[in-house]
């Protein structure tokens, strides 16, 4: 049984992230010039929004996360300025933020489309994030890979391989069907 798990993990780790990314048409994407209200509409049902220079270029320039909305909605006087975080005060609507480019995080964690699942997992662990943008060598947004997608893919591989986890009492174990 352990051999089946190891084989499934090896296959999983060696997969390219581009093999399991959803279609780009299903991803939450706005242009830099999009109004904040358009970003907020997407964030009602998503945990993030990718920001691109334009839909034509698809050049990735930023990301806006669900939790960033707090900075957007708070007045600047209610935010504590600390060294390195003064920019969050400027992201407030009351401080003049109007467009996606005004509120986006510019330092986006990415992984190349030819990266393996193992490389993506290592980056997620190193930076304590659950999602990465997939880009090509020119910085064009090609997709996204999330921990949720990786979990679903691993479970799919386990089913195909014939091994499955079962929960009994306080410990997990593997069983064959």
N, C-alpha and C. Protein backbone atom coordinates (compact mmCIF):
# COMPACT_ATOMS: atom_id res chain seq x y z
N UNK A 1 0.82 -1.19 0.00
CA UNK A 1 0.00 0.00 0.00
C UNK A 1 0.86 1.26 0.00
N UNK A 2 1.93 1.26 0.81
CA UNK A 2 2.80 2.42 0.87
C UNK A 2 3.45 2.65 -0.48
N UNK A 3 3.78 1.59 -1.21
CA UNK A 3 4.37 1.72 -2.54
C UNK A 3 3.45 2.45 -3.50
N UNK A 4 2.15 2.18 -3.41
CA UNK A 4 1.18 2.87 -4.26
C UNK A 4 1.15 4.35 -3.95
N UNK A 5 1.22 4.69 -2.67
CA UNK A 5 1.21 6.09 -2.26
C UNK A 5 2.47 6.79 -2.76
N UNK A 6 3.62 6.13 -2.60
CA UNK A 6 4.87 6.73 -3.07
C UNK A 6 4.85 6.94 -4.57
N UNK A 7 4.32 5.98 -5.32
CA UNK A 7 4.22 6.13 -6.78
C UNK A 7 3.29 7.29 -7.14
N UNK A 8 2.17 7.38 -6.44
CA UNK A 8 1.23 8.47 -6.70
C UNK A 8 1.88 9.81 -6.39
N UNK A 9 2.61 9.90 -5.29
CA UNK A 9 3.29 11.15 -4.93
C UNK A 9 4.37 11.51 -5.94
N UNK A 10 5.13 10.52 -6.40
CA UNK A 10 6.17 10.80 -7.40
C UNK A 10 5.55 11.32 -8.69
N UNK A 11 4.47 10.68 -9.12
CA UNK A 11 3.79 11.14 -10.34
C UNK A 11 3.24 12.55 -10.13
N UNK A 12 2.65 12.77 -8.97
CA UNK A 12 2.08 14.07 -8.62
C UNK A 12 3.16 15.16 -8.63
N UNK A 13 4.27 14.90 -7.94
CA UNK A 13 5.35 15.89 -7.83
C UNK A 13 5.97 16.23 -9.18
N UNK A 14 5.99 15.29 -10.10
CA UNK A 14 6.65 15.53 -11.38
C UNK A 14 5.72 16.17 -12.43
N UNK A 15 4.43 16.27 -12.13
CA UNK A 15 3.51 16.91 -13.07
C UNK A 15 3.87 18.37 -13.26
N UNK A 16 3.61 18.89 -14.44
CA UNK A 16 3.79 20.32 -14.71
C UNK A 16 2.54 21.05 -14.25
N UNK A 17 2.72 22.23 -13.66
CA UNK A 17 1.57 22.97 -13.14
C UNK A 17 0.58 23.31 -14.26
N UNK A 18 1.09 23.51 -15.46
CA UNK A 18 0.20 23.86 -16.59
C UNK A 18 -0.77 22.72 -16.90
N UNK A 19 -0.45 21.49 -16.46
CA UNK A 19 -1.32 20.35 -16.72
C UNK A 19 -2.60 20.38 -15.88
N UNK A 20 -2.58 21.09 -14.76
CA UNK A 20 -3.74 21.04 -13.87
C UNK A 20 -4.33 22.41 -13.58
N UNK A 21 -3.89 23.42 -14.31
CA UNK A 21 -4.45 24.75 -14.10
C UNK A 21 -5.79 24.88 -14.81
N UNK A 22 -6.74 25.60 -14.22
CA UNK A 22 -8.04 25.79 -14.87
C UNK A 22 -7.89 26.69 -16.09
N UNK A 23 -8.89 26.71 -16.96
CA UNK A 23 -8.83 27.62 -18.11
C UNK A 23 -8.74 29.07 -17.64
N UNK A 24 -7.96 29.85 -18.35
CA UNK A 24 -7.76 31.25 -17.96
C UNK A 24 -9.07 32.03 -17.98
N UNK A 25 -10.02 31.58 -18.79
CA UNK A 25 -11.32 32.26 -18.85
C UNK A 25 -12.11 32.14 -17.56
N UNK A 26 -11.77 31.17 -16.71
CA UNK A 26 -12.48 30.99 -15.45
C UNK A 26 -11.79 31.71 -14.28
N UNK A 27 -10.67 32.37 -14.56
CA UNK A 27 -9.91 33.03 -13.50
C UNK A 27 -10.41 34.45 -13.24
N UNK A 28 -10.28 34.93 -11.99
CA UNK A 28 -10.67 36.30 -11.66
C UNK A 28 -9.57 37.27 -12.10
N UNK A 29 -9.84 38.05 -13.15
CA UNK A 29 -8.84 38.95 -13.73
C UNK A 29 -9.48 40.31 -13.99
N UNK A 30 -8.76 41.37 -13.64
CA UNK A 30 -9.16 42.73 -13.99
C UNK A 30 -7.95 43.45 -14.58
N UNK A 31 -8.23 44.51 -15.30
CA UNK A 31 -7.17 45.35 -15.82
C UNK A 31 -6.79 46.39 -14.77
N UNK A 32 -5.57 46.93 -14.86
CA UNK A 32 -5.10 47.95 -13.92
C UNK A 32 -6.06 49.12 -13.81
N UNK A 33 -6.71 49.47 -14.90
CA UNK A 33 -7.59 50.63 -14.94
C UNK A 33 -9.02 50.32 -14.47
N UNK A 34 -9.28 49.08 -14.09
CA UNK A 34 -10.63 48.72 -13.62
C UNK A 34 -10.96 49.47 -12.34
N UNK A 35 -12.23 49.83 -12.21
CA UNK A 35 -12.70 50.53 -11.01
C UNK A 35 -12.68 49.59 -9.81
N UNK A 36 -12.45 50.15 -8.63
CA UNK A 36 -12.42 49.36 -7.40
C UNK A 36 -13.73 48.59 -7.21
N UNK A 37 -14.85 49.17 -7.59
CA UNK A 37 -16.13 48.49 -7.42
C UNK A 37 -16.15 47.18 -8.22
N UNK A 38 -15.51 47.15 -9.39
CA UNK A 38 -15.44 45.92 -10.18
C UNK A 38 -14.62 44.86 -9.47
N UNK A 39 -13.57 45.28 -8.80
CA UNK A 39 -12.74 44.37 -8.01
C UNK A 39 -13.56 43.81 -6.86
N UNK A 40 -14.28 44.67 -6.16
CA UNK A 40 -15.08 44.24 -5.02
C UNK A 40 -16.17 43.26 -5.43
N UNK A 41 -16.76 43.46 -6.60
CA UNK A 41 -17.78 42.53 -7.08
C UNK A 41 -17.21 41.13 -7.24
N UNK A 42 -15.99 41.04 -7.75
CA UNK A 42 -15.34 39.72 -7.91
C UNK A 42 -15.00 39.14 -6.55
N UNK A 43 -14.49 39.97 -5.64
CA UNK A 43 -14.07 39.49 -4.33
C UNK A 43 -15.23 39.05 -3.44
N UNK A 44 -16.46 39.30 -3.86
CA UNK A 44 -17.61 38.77 -3.10
C UNK A 44 -17.62 37.25 -3.13
N UNK A 45 -17.08 36.67 -4.20
CA UNK A 45 -17.12 35.21 -4.35
C UNK A 45 -15.75 34.56 -4.55
N UNK A 46 -14.70 35.36 -4.63
CA UNK A 46 -13.36 34.83 -4.86
C UNK A 46 -12.42 35.33 -3.75
N UNK A 47 -11.29 34.66 -3.60
CA UNK A 47 -10.33 35.04 -2.56
C UNK A 47 -9.23 35.97 -3.08
N UNK A 48 -9.22 36.19 -4.38
CA UNK A 48 -8.18 37.03 -4.98
C UNK A 48 -8.64 37.48 -6.36
N UNK A 49 -7.95 38.48 -6.90
CA UNK A 49 -8.17 38.95 -8.27
C UNK A 49 -6.78 39.24 -8.84
N UNK A 50 -6.47 38.68 -9.99
CA UNK A 50 -5.21 38.99 -10.68
C UNK A 50 -5.40 40.30 -11.43
N UNK A 51 -4.37 41.14 -11.43
CA UNK A 51 -4.42 42.41 -12.14
C UNK A 51 -3.42 42.35 -13.29
N UNK A 52 -3.92 42.63 -14.50
CA UNK A 52 -3.07 42.64 -15.69
C UNK A 52 -3.06 44.06 -16.28
N UNK A 53 -1.98 44.37 -17.00
CA UNK A 53 -1.90 45.69 -17.63
C UNK A 53 -3.08 45.90 -18.56
N UNK A 54 -3.35 44.89 -19.41
CA UNK A 54 -4.51 44.93 -20.29
C UNK A 54 -4.88 43.49 -20.65
N UNK A 55 -6.11 43.28 -21.07
CA UNK A 55 -6.53 41.94 -21.50
C UNK A 55 -5.79 41.51 -22.75
N UNK A 56 -5.37 42.46 -23.56
CA UNK A 56 -4.64 42.11 -24.78
C UNK A 56 -3.24 41.59 -24.45
N UNK A 57 -2.53 42.28 -23.57
CA UNK A 57 -1.16 41.87 -23.24
C UNK A 57 -1.12 40.75 -22.21
N UNK A 58 -2.08 40.74 -21.29
CA UNK A 58 -2.15 39.79 -20.17
C UNK A 58 -0.88 39.83 -19.31
N UNK A 59 -0.16 40.97 -19.36
CA UNK A 59 1.03 41.12 -18.52
C UNK A 59 0.58 41.27 -17.06
N UNK A 60 1.02 40.35 -16.22
CA UNK A 60 0.64 40.36 -14.81
C UNK A 60 1.36 41.50 -14.09
N UNK A 61 0.57 42.34 -13.43
CA UNK A 61 1.18 43.47 -12.71
C UNK A 61 0.85 43.48 -11.22
N UNK A 62 -0.14 42.67 -10.80
CA UNK A 62 -0.47 42.68 -9.39
C UNK A 62 -1.53 41.66 -9.02
N UNK A 63 -1.84 41.65 -7.74
CA UNK A 63 -2.90 40.80 -7.20
C UNK A 63 -3.58 41.57 -6.08
N UNK A 64 -4.87 41.35 -5.95
CA UNK A 64 -5.64 41.91 -4.84
C UNK A 64 -6.28 40.73 -4.13
N UNK A 65 -6.01 40.62 -2.84
CA UNK A 65 -6.56 39.51 -2.06
C UNK A 65 -7.80 39.95 -1.28
N UNK A 66 -8.62 38.99 -0.96
CA UNK A 66 -9.85 39.23 -0.22
C UNK A 66 -9.59 40.05 1.05
N UNK A 67 -8.56 39.70 1.80
CA UNK A 67 -8.27 40.40 3.05
C UNK A 67 -7.77 41.83 2.82
N UNK A 68 -7.32 42.14 1.61
CA UNK A 68 -6.89 43.51 1.29
C UNK A 68 -8.06 44.49 1.35
N UNK A 69 -9.27 43.98 1.26
CA UNK A 69 -10.46 44.84 1.27
C UNK A 69 -10.53 45.65 2.57
N UNK A 70 -10.01 45.12 3.64
CA UNK A 70 -10.02 45.86 4.91
C UNK A 70 -9.31 47.20 4.73
N UNK A 71 -8.12 47.18 4.10
CA UNK A 71 -7.37 48.43 3.87
C UNK A 71 -8.14 49.36 2.94
N UNK A 72 -8.85 48.81 1.99
CA UNK A 72 -9.59 49.61 1.01
C UNK A 72 -10.75 50.34 1.68
N UNK A 73 -11.42 49.66 2.60
CA UNK A 73 -12.63 50.22 3.21
C UNK A 73 -12.36 51.07 4.45
N UNK A 74 -11.24 50.83 5.13
CA UNK A 74 -10.93 51.63 6.32
C UNK A 74 -10.49 53.04 5.94
N UNK A 75 -10.88 54.02 6.73
CA UNK A 75 -10.32 55.35 6.48
C UNK A 75 -8.84 55.36 6.86
N UNK A 76 -8.04 56.17 6.20
CA UNK A 76 -6.60 56.19 6.48
C UNK A 76 -6.28 56.52 7.94
N UNK A 77 -7.12 57.31 8.58
CA UNK A 77 -6.87 57.69 9.98
C UNK A 77 -7.04 56.50 10.93
N UNK A 78 -7.71 55.45 10.49
CA UNK A 78 -7.93 54.27 11.33
C UNK A 78 -6.89 53.18 11.11
N UNK A 79 -5.95 53.45 10.23
CA UNK A 79 -4.89 52.49 9.95
C UNK A 79 -3.64 52.93 10.67
N UNK A 80 -2.95 51.95 11.24
CA UNK A 80 -1.71 52.26 11.95
C UNK A 80 -0.56 52.23 10.97
N UNK A 81 0.14 53.33 10.87
CA UNK A 81 1.31 53.40 9.99
C UNK A 81 2.51 52.81 10.71
N UNK A 82 3.10 51.83 10.10
CA UNK A 82 4.33 51.22 10.60
C UNK A 82 5.33 51.29 9.46
N UNK A 83 6.57 51.21 9.81
CA UNK A 83 7.61 51.21 8.80
C UNK A 83 7.33 50.11 7.79
N UNK A 84 7.29 50.47 6.53
CA UNK A 84 7.05 49.49 5.47
C UNK A 84 5.59 49.26 5.15
N UNK A 85 4.66 49.78 5.96
CA UNK A 85 3.25 49.53 5.69
C UNK A 85 2.47 50.81 5.40
N UNK A 86 3.16 51.89 5.19
CA UNK A 86 2.46 53.15 4.91
C UNK A 86 1.65 53.04 3.64
N UNK A 87 2.05 52.16 2.71
CA UNK A 87 1.32 52.02 1.45
C UNK A 87 -0.10 51.52 1.67
N UNK A 88 -0.35 50.75 2.74
CA UNK A 88 -1.72 50.28 2.98
C UNK A 88 -2.65 51.44 3.29
N UNK A 89 -2.12 52.50 3.88
CA UNK A 89 -2.94 53.67 4.15
C UNK A 89 -3.38 54.34 2.85
N UNK A 90 -2.52 54.29 1.84
CA UNK A 90 -2.83 54.92 0.57
C UNK A 90 -3.80 54.11 -0.27
N UNK A 91 -4.03 52.86 0.12
CA UNK A 91 -4.96 51.99 -0.63
C UNK A 91 -6.41 52.25 -0.26
N UNK A 92 -6.65 53.08 0.71
CA UNK A 92 -8.01 53.39 1.14
C UNK A 92 -8.74 54.21 0.09
N UNK A 93 -10.01 53.91 -0.09
CA UNK A 93 -10.85 54.71 -0.99
C UNK A 93 -10.87 56.16 -0.51
N UNK A 94 -10.91 56.33 0.80
CA UNK A 94 -10.95 57.70 1.35
C UNK A 94 -9.64 58.45 1.12
N UNK A 95 -8.56 57.73 0.85
CA UNK A 95 -7.27 58.37 0.58
C UNK A 95 -7.10 58.64 -0.91
N UNK A 96 -8.12 58.27 -1.70
CA UNK A 96 -8.08 58.58 -3.12
C UNK A 96 -7.92 57.40 -4.06
N UNK A 97 -7.84 56.19 -3.53
CA UNK A 97 -7.71 55.01 -4.40
C UNK A 97 -8.99 54.86 -5.23
N UNK A 98 -8.82 54.67 -6.53
CA UNK A 98 -9.98 54.55 -7.42
C UNK A 98 -9.92 53.35 -8.34
N UNK A 99 -8.72 52.96 -8.70
CA UNK A 99 -8.52 51.91 -9.71
C UNK A 99 -7.82 50.70 -9.09
N UNK A 100 -7.90 49.59 -9.79
CA UNK A 100 -7.24 48.36 -9.34
C UNK A 100 -5.75 48.61 -9.10
N UNK A 101 -5.11 49.38 -9.98
CA UNK A 101 -3.68 49.65 -9.83
C UNK A 101 -3.36 50.37 -8.53
N UNK A 102 -4.32 51.10 -7.97
CA UNK A 102 -4.10 51.85 -6.72
C UNK A 102 -4.08 50.94 -5.50
N UNK A 103 -4.71 49.80 -5.60
CA UNK A 103 -4.86 48.94 -4.41
C UNK A 103 -4.17 47.59 -4.54
N UNK A 104 -3.61 47.28 -5.70
CA UNK A 104 -3.02 45.95 -5.91
C UNK A 104 -1.68 45.82 -5.20
N UNK A 105 -1.36 44.59 -4.86
CA UNK A 105 -0.04 44.23 -4.36
C UNK A 105 0.81 43.96 -5.59
N UNK A 106 1.92 44.67 -5.71
CA UNK A 106 2.75 44.57 -6.91
C UNK A 106 3.72 43.39 -6.88
N UNK A 107 4.05 42.92 -5.72
CA UNK A 107 4.97 41.79 -5.59
C UNK A 107 4.19 40.49 -5.61
N UNK A 108 3.95 39.99 -6.81
CA UNK A 108 3.13 38.79 -6.99
C UNK A 108 4.04 37.56 -7.01
N UNK A 109 3.65 36.56 -6.26
CA UNK A 109 4.40 35.31 -6.29
C UNK A 109 3.95 34.51 -7.50
N UNK A 110 4.92 34.13 -8.31
CA UNK A 110 4.63 33.42 -9.54
C UNK A 110 5.43 32.14 -9.63
N UNK A 111 5.01 31.30 -10.54
CA UNK A 111 5.74 30.10 -10.89
C UNK A 111 5.63 29.98 -12.41
N UNK A 112 6.71 29.52 -13.04
CA UNK A 112 6.68 29.39 -14.50
C UNK A 112 5.80 28.23 -14.91
N UNK A 113 5.23 28.32 -16.10
CA UNK A 113 4.30 27.29 -16.56
C UNK A 113 4.95 25.92 -16.73
N UNK A 114 6.27 25.86 -16.85
CA UNK A 114 6.96 24.58 -16.97
C UNK A 114 7.42 24.04 -15.61
N UNK A 115 7.11 24.74 -14.52
CA UNK A 115 7.48 24.28 -13.18
C UNK A 115 6.70 23.01 -12.83
N UNK A 116 7.27 22.24 -11.94
CA UNK A 116 6.59 21.03 -11.48
C UNK A 116 5.72 21.35 -10.27
N UNK A 117 4.83 20.44 -9.96
CA UNK A 117 3.99 20.56 -8.77
C UNK A 117 4.88 20.65 -7.53
N UNK A 118 5.96 19.89 -7.49
CA UNK A 118 6.87 19.93 -6.34
C UNK A 118 7.45 21.33 -6.17
N UNK A 119 7.86 21.96 -7.25
CA UNK A 119 8.40 23.32 -7.19
C UNK A 119 7.34 24.30 -6.69
N UNK A 120 6.12 24.15 -7.15
CA UNK A 120 5.03 25.02 -6.70
C UNK A 120 4.76 24.81 -5.21
N UNK A 121 4.72 23.57 -4.76
CA UNK A 121 4.49 23.29 -3.34
C UNK A 121 5.60 23.88 -2.47
N UNK A 122 6.84 23.75 -2.92
CA UNK A 122 7.96 24.30 -2.15
C UNK A 122 7.84 25.82 -2.04
N UNK A 123 7.44 26.48 -3.10
CA UNK A 123 7.29 27.94 -3.07
C UNK A 123 6.12 28.33 -2.16
N UNK A 124 5.02 27.58 -2.23
CA UNK A 124 3.88 27.85 -1.36
C UNK A 124 4.28 27.74 0.12
N UNK A 125 5.05 26.72 0.43
CA UNK A 125 5.49 26.52 1.81
C UNK A 125 6.44 27.63 2.25
N UNK A 126 7.42 27.96 1.39
CA UNK A 126 8.42 28.97 1.71
C UNK A 126 7.78 30.32 2.00
N UNK A 127 6.77 30.70 1.21
CA UNK A 127 6.16 32.02 1.36
C UNK A 127 4.80 32.00 2.06
N UNK A 128 4.40 30.82 2.51
CA UNK A 128 3.15 30.65 3.26
C UNK A 128 1.95 31.24 2.51
N UNK A 129 1.81 30.82 1.24
CA UNK A 129 0.69 31.23 0.41
C UNK A 129 0.00 29.99 -0.14
N UNK A 130 -1.26 30.15 -0.51
CA UNK A 130 -2.03 29.01 -1.01
C UNK A 130 -2.31 29.11 -2.51
N UNK A 131 -1.80 30.16 -3.16
CA UNK A 131 -2.03 30.31 -4.59
C UNK A 131 -0.85 31.04 -5.23
N UNK A 132 -0.53 30.61 -6.45
CA UNK A 132 0.54 31.23 -7.23
C UNK A 132 0.02 31.53 -8.63
N UNK A 133 0.48 32.63 -9.19
CA UNK A 133 0.19 32.92 -10.59
C UNK A 133 1.15 32.12 -11.45
N UNK A 134 0.66 31.62 -12.56
CA UNK A 134 1.53 30.92 -13.52
C UNK A 134 1.79 31.90 -14.65
N UNK A 135 3.06 32.14 -14.92
CA UNK A 135 3.45 33.09 -15.95
C UNK A 135 4.44 32.44 -16.92
N UNK A 136 4.52 33.03 -18.11
CA UNK A 136 5.55 32.59 -19.05
C UNK A 136 6.80 33.43 -18.82
N UNK A 137 7.80 33.23 -19.64
CA UNK A 137 9.09 33.93 -19.44
C UNK A 137 8.98 35.44 -19.63
N UNK A 138 7.93 35.93 -20.26
CA UNK A 138 7.73 37.38 -20.47
C UNK A 138 6.82 38.01 -19.40
N UNK A 139 6.38 37.23 -18.42
CA UNK A 139 5.51 37.77 -17.38
C UNK A 139 4.04 37.79 -17.75
N UNK A 140 3.68 37.08 -18.81
CA UNK A 140 2.28 37.01 -19.24
C UNK A 140 1.55 35.99 -18.37
N UNK A 141 0.40 36.37 -17.84
CA UNK A 141 -0.41 35.48 -17.01
C UNK A 141 -0.94 34.33 -17.85
N UNK A 142 -0.63 33.11 -17.45
CA UNK A 142 -1.05 31.92 -18.18
C UNK A 142 -2.03 31.06 -17.39
N UNK A 143 -2.08 31.28 -16.08
CA UNK A 143 -2.97 30.46 -15.25
C UNK A 143 -2.69 30.72 -13.77
N UNK A 144 -3.23 29.84 -12.96
CA UNK A 144 -3.00 29.90 -11.52
C UNK A 144 -2.98 28.48 -10.98
N UNK A 145 -2.25 28.31 -9.90
CA UNK A 145 -2.22 27.01 -9.23
C UNK A 145 -2.46 27.27 -7.75
N UNK A 146 -3.44 26.57 -7.20
CA UNK A 146 -3.79 26.77 -5.80
C UNK A 146 -3.64 25.47 -5.04
N UNK A 147 -3.54 25.60 -3.75
CA UNK A 147 -3.47 24.42 -2.89
C UNK A 147 -4.72 23.57 -3.07
N UNK A 148 -5.87 24.20 -3.25
CA UNK A 148 -7.11 23.46 -3.46
C UNK A 148 -7.04 22.60 -4.73
N UNK A 149 -6.51 23.18 -5.82
CA UNK A 149 -6.34 22.41 -7.05
C UNK A 149 -5.37 21.24 -6.86
N UNK A 150 -4.30 21.50 -6.12
CA UNK A 150 -3.31 20.45 -5.88
C UNK A 150 -3.89 19.30 -5.04
N UNK A 151 -4.68 19.66 -4.05
CA UNK A 151 -5.33 18.62 -3.24
C UNK A 151 -6.27 17.79 -4.11
N UNK A 152 -7.08 18.44 -4.93
CA UNK A 152 -8.01 17.72 -5.81
C UNK A 152 -7.28 16.80 -6.77
N UNK A 153 -6.17 17.28 -7.33
CA UNK A 153 -5.41 16.46 -8.27
C UNK A 153 -4.78 15.25 -7.57
N UNK A 154 -4.26 15.45 -6.36
CA UNK A 154 -3.67 14.33 -5.63
C UNK A 154 -4.74 13.28 -5.30
N UNK A 155 -5.91 13.72 -4.88
CA UNK A 155 -7.00 12.78 -4.58
C UNK A 155 -7.39 12.02 -5.85
N UNK A 156 -7.44 12.71 -6.99
CA UNK A 156 -7.75 12.05 -8.26
C UNK A 156 -6.70 10.98 -8.58
N UNK A 157 -5.44 11.29 -8.38
CA UNK A 157 -4.38 10.31 -8.63
C UNK A 157 -4.50 9.11 -7.70
N UNK A 158 -4.89 9.35 -6.46
CA UNK A 158 -5.05 8.25 -5.50
C UNK A 158 -6.17 7.33 -5.95
N UNK A 159 -7.25 7.88 -6.45
CA UNK A 159 -8.37 7.05 -6.92
C UNK A 159 -7.97 6.22 -8.13
N UNK A 160 -7.26 6.87 -9.06
CA UNK A 160 -6.81 6.18 -10.27
C UNK A 160 -5.86 5.05 -9.90
N UNK A 161 -4.99 5.29 -8.90
CA UNK A 161 -4.01 4.28 -8.48
C UNK A 161 -4.60 3.16 -7.65
N UNK A 162 -5.82 3.34 -7.18
CA UNK A 162 -6.47 2.26 -6.43
C UNK A 162 -6.31 2.35 -4.92
N UNK A 163 -5.54 3.28 -4.42
CA UNK A 163 -5.39 3.41 -2.97
C UNK A 163 -6.26 4.57 -2.50
N UNK A 164 -6.77 4.46 -1.30
CA UNK A 164 -7.53 5.58 -0.76
C UNK A 164 -7.36 5.64 0.74
N UNK A 165 -7.43 6.85 1.27
CA UNK A 165 -7.32 7.06 2.70
C UNK A 165 -8.67 6.86 3.37
N UNK A 166 -8.64 6.31 4.55
CA UNK A 166 -9.85 6.22 5.35
C UNK A 166 -9.53 6.78 6.73
N UNK A 167 -10.52 7.34 7.38
CA UNK A 167 -10.34 7.90 8.71
C UNK A 167 -10.99 6.95 9.71
N UNK A 168 -10.23 6.50 10.65
CA UNK A 168 -10.74 5.61 11.71
C UNK A 168 -10.21 6.09 13.04
N UNK A 169 -11.08 6.44 13.93
CA UNK A 169 -10.64 6.88 15.26
C UNK A 169 -9.80 8.13 15.17
N UNK A 170 -8.61 8.09 15.78
CA UNK A 170 -7.79 9.30 15.83
C UNK A 170 -6.63 9.24 14.83
N UNK A 171 -6.54 8.20 14.00
CA UNK A 171 -5.43 8.14 13.04
C UNK A 171 -5.96 7.82 11.65
N UNK A 172 -5.21 8.26 10.66
CA UNK A 172 -5.57 7.97 9.27
C UNK A 172 -4.77 6.77 8.81
N UNK A 173 -5.36 6.00 7.91
CA UNK A 173 -4.62 4.89 7.32
C UNK A 173 -5.08 4.68 5.89
N UNK A 174 -4.36 3.87 5.18
CA UNK A 174 -4.67 3.61 3.79
C UNK A 174 -5.29 2.24 3.63
N UNK A 175 -6.22 2.14 2.71
CA UNK A 175 -6.85 0.85 2.40
C UNK A 175 -6.99 0.73 0.91
N UNK A 176 -6.98 -0.50 0.42
CA UNK A 176 -7.31 -0.74 -0.97
C UNK A 176 -8.81 -0.96 -1.08
N UNK A 177 -9.40 -0.55 -2.19
CA UNK A 177 -10.85 -0.72 -2.34
C UNK A 177 -11.25 -2.18 -2.44
